[in-house]
Amino acid sequence: MGTHLPAERTHLASLEAPPKFRPGSVTALERHYCVAEIAKLWGLSESTIRRLFIDEPGVLKIAHEETRFKRRYISLRIPERIALQVHRRLQGVA
């Protein structure tokens, strides 16, 4: 006889919460914000947020190359730890 888990147990195992993340750990599963989300949270314009984060290390930049008819565009995805870091720096705490 095999050591198979019942179907219920297998299904429940797949629903377990993701592992806890240590502060400062680099992970692809960390919450990432778009420019509009941070602009709304901080009460700033999207262009201001874009200027604050465009050259920040650790921010994901997804580029759409320029074509003959469309301009180049860069989408930003800002990890939560980077947003907190910039916020502390703007407060003069960092």
Foldseek 3Di string as FASTA:
>chain_A
DDPDDPPVVVVVVVVDDDDDDDPPDDDPPAQWDWLVVVCVVVVHDSVVSCVLPVPQPPWDWDWDPDDPPGHIDITIIHGPNSVVVSVCVVVVND
